[in-house]
Amino acid sequence: MPEQTIRLHRSAPAKPAEGQPCNGCGICCALETCPPGRLRFMRAKGPCPALEWSEPAGCYRCGLLANPRQYIGCLPGIGESPARRLLTRWIAAGQGCDCSAEVQS
């Protein structure tokens, strides 16, 4: 992967090792946009427009997953809960860190 500079919140947690549980560091979404984000925002390069900083949680969250109505709008025939289930599966949320980027401070 070529060297790239990304800007994250100063309080963002450090990137976990690949395969470890996601901690909301935001690095993966700052580097590239996931498949549903690519469809929604018509772009593959990061940062994803739906990457949201959560001050109370002290980490990044996926806005598509946390607030689907805000980013996707009206979901004809699909309520928010089914949309969240679909997005959770599509982006493999909760499956562990799959970002192989090496981080330098």
Protein backbone atom coordinates (compact mmCIF):
# COMPACT_ATOMS: atom_id res chain seq x y z
CA MET A 1 0.00 0.00 0.00
CA PRO A 2 1.48 3.40 -0.90
CA GLU A 3 2.18 5.89 1.86
CA GLN A 4 -0.81 8.07 2.66
CA THR A 5 -1.48 10.72 5.29
CA ILE A 6 -4.86 10.72 7.01
CA ARG A 7 -6.18 13.08 9.65
CA LEU A 8 -8.04 11.67 12.64
CA HIS A 9 -9.35 13.05 15.92
CA ARG A 10 -6.52 13.41 18.45
CA SER A 11 -8.44 11.24 20.94
CA ALA A 12 -9.04 8.39 18.48
CA PRO A 13 -7.93 5.03 19.85
CA ALA A 14 -4.86 3.36 18.38
CA LYS A 15 -5.46 0.92 15.52
CA PRO A 16 -5.94 -2.63 16.81
CA ALA A 17 -3.99 -5.50 15.29
CA GLU A 18 -5.58 -7.11 12.26
CA GLY A 19 -8.21 -9.63 13.41
CA GLN A 20 -8.67 -8.00 16.83
CA PRO A 21 -12.05 -6.44 17.74
CA CYS A 22 -12.80 -3.07 16.14
CA ASN A 23 -12.26 -0.20 18.57
CA GLY A 24 -13.47 2.65 16.35
CA CYS A 25 -10.03 4.00 15.43
CA GLY A 26 -11.43 5.14 12.03
CA ILE A 27 -8.34 4.29 10.00
CA CYS A 28 -10.06 1.87 7.62
CA CYS A 29 -12.84 4.33 6.75
CA ALA A 30 -10.41 7.24 6.48
CA LEU A 31 -8.40 5.29 3.90
CA GLU A 32 -11.16 3.92 1.71
CA THR A 33 -14.91 3.74 1.42
CA CYS A 34 -16.73 0.43 2.02
CA PRO A 35 -18.97 -1.14 -0.68
CA PRO A 36 -22.25 0.41 0.58
CA GLY A 37 -20.49 3.76 0.94
CA ARG A 38 -19.18 3.47 -2.62
CA LEU A 39 -22.73 3.02 -3.87
CA ARG A 40 -24.13 5.83 -1.75
CA PHE A 41 -21.38 8.41 -2.28
CA MET A 42 -20.05 7.25 -5.68
CA ARG A 43 -16.43 7.18 -4.50
CA ALA A 44 -13.87 4.57 -3.48
CA LYS A 45 -11.15 6.67 -1.89
CA GLY A 46 -11.46 7.85 1.68
CA PRO A 47 -12.27 9.39 3.91
CA CYS A 48 -15.79 8.05 3.83
CA PRO A 49 -18.31 10.90 4.13
CA ALA A 50 -20.24 8.79 6.67
CA LEU A 51 -17.30 8.45 9.07
CA GLU A 52 -18.53 10.11 12.28
CA TRP A 53 -16.63 11.01 15.43
CA SER A 54 -18.57 10.15 18.60
CA GLU A 55 -17.45 12.44 21.40
CA PRO A 56 -19.30 10.48 24.14
CA ALA A 57 -17.83 7.16 22.98
CA GLY A 58 -14.40 8.62 22.17
CA CYS A 59 -14.20 6.78 18.86
CA TYR A 60 -15.37 6.77 15.26
CA ARG A 61 -18.66 5.25 14.12
CA CYS A 62 -20.06 4.31 10.73
CA GLY A 63 -22.79 6.85 9.99
CA LEU A 64 -24.42 4.50 7.46
CA LEU A 65 -24.87 2.01 10.26
CA ALA A 66 -25.57 4.43 13.12
CA ASN A 67 -27.85 6.81 11.20
CA PRO A 68 -29.03 5.10 7.99
CA ARG A 69 -31.94 7.51 7.52
CA GLN A 70 -29.56 10.51 7.55
CA TYR A 71 -27.26 9.08 4.87
CA ILE A 72 -29.57 6.90 2.83
CA GLY A 73 -32.77 8.88 3.29
CA CYS A 74 -36.12 7.21 2.90
CA LEU A 75 -35.73 3.46 2.77
CA PRO A 76 -38.69 2.31 0.67
CA GLY A 77 -40.01 -0.97 1.98
CA ILE A 78 -37.16 -1.27 4.48
CA GLY A 79 -37.24 0.14 7.98
CA GLU A 80 -34.17 1.26 9.92
CA SER A 81 -33.68 -2.04 11.78
CA PRO A 82 -33.54 -4.20 8.62
CA ALA A 83 -31.27 -1.60 6.99
CA ARG A 84 -28.91 -1.76 9.97
CA ARG A 85 -28.88 -5.57 9.86
CA LEU A 86 -28.10 -5.53 6.13
CA LEU A 87 -25.35 -2.89 6.51
CA THR A 88 -23.87 -4.67 9.54
CA ARG A 89 -23.51 -7.84 7.50
CA TRP A 90 -22.32 -6.07 4.34
CA ILE A 91 -19.49 -4.21 6.08
CA ALA A 92 -18.75 -7.16 8.42
CA ALA A 93 -19.25 -4.95 11.48
CA GLY A 94 -18.22 -6.76 14.64
CA GLN A 95 -16.05 -9.27 12.77
CA GLY A 96 -12.73 -7.71 13.76
CA CYS A 97 -10.21 -5.35 12.24
CA ASP A 98 -9.57 -6.10 8.56
CA CYS A 99 -7.37 -3.07 7.90
CA SER A 100 -3.80 -4.07 6.99
CA ALA A 101 -2.47 -0.49 6.95
CA GLU A 102 0.67 0.14 8.94
CA VAL A 103 0.35 3.19 11.18
CA GLN A 104 3.13 5.65 11.92
CA SER A 105 2.65 8.45 14.44
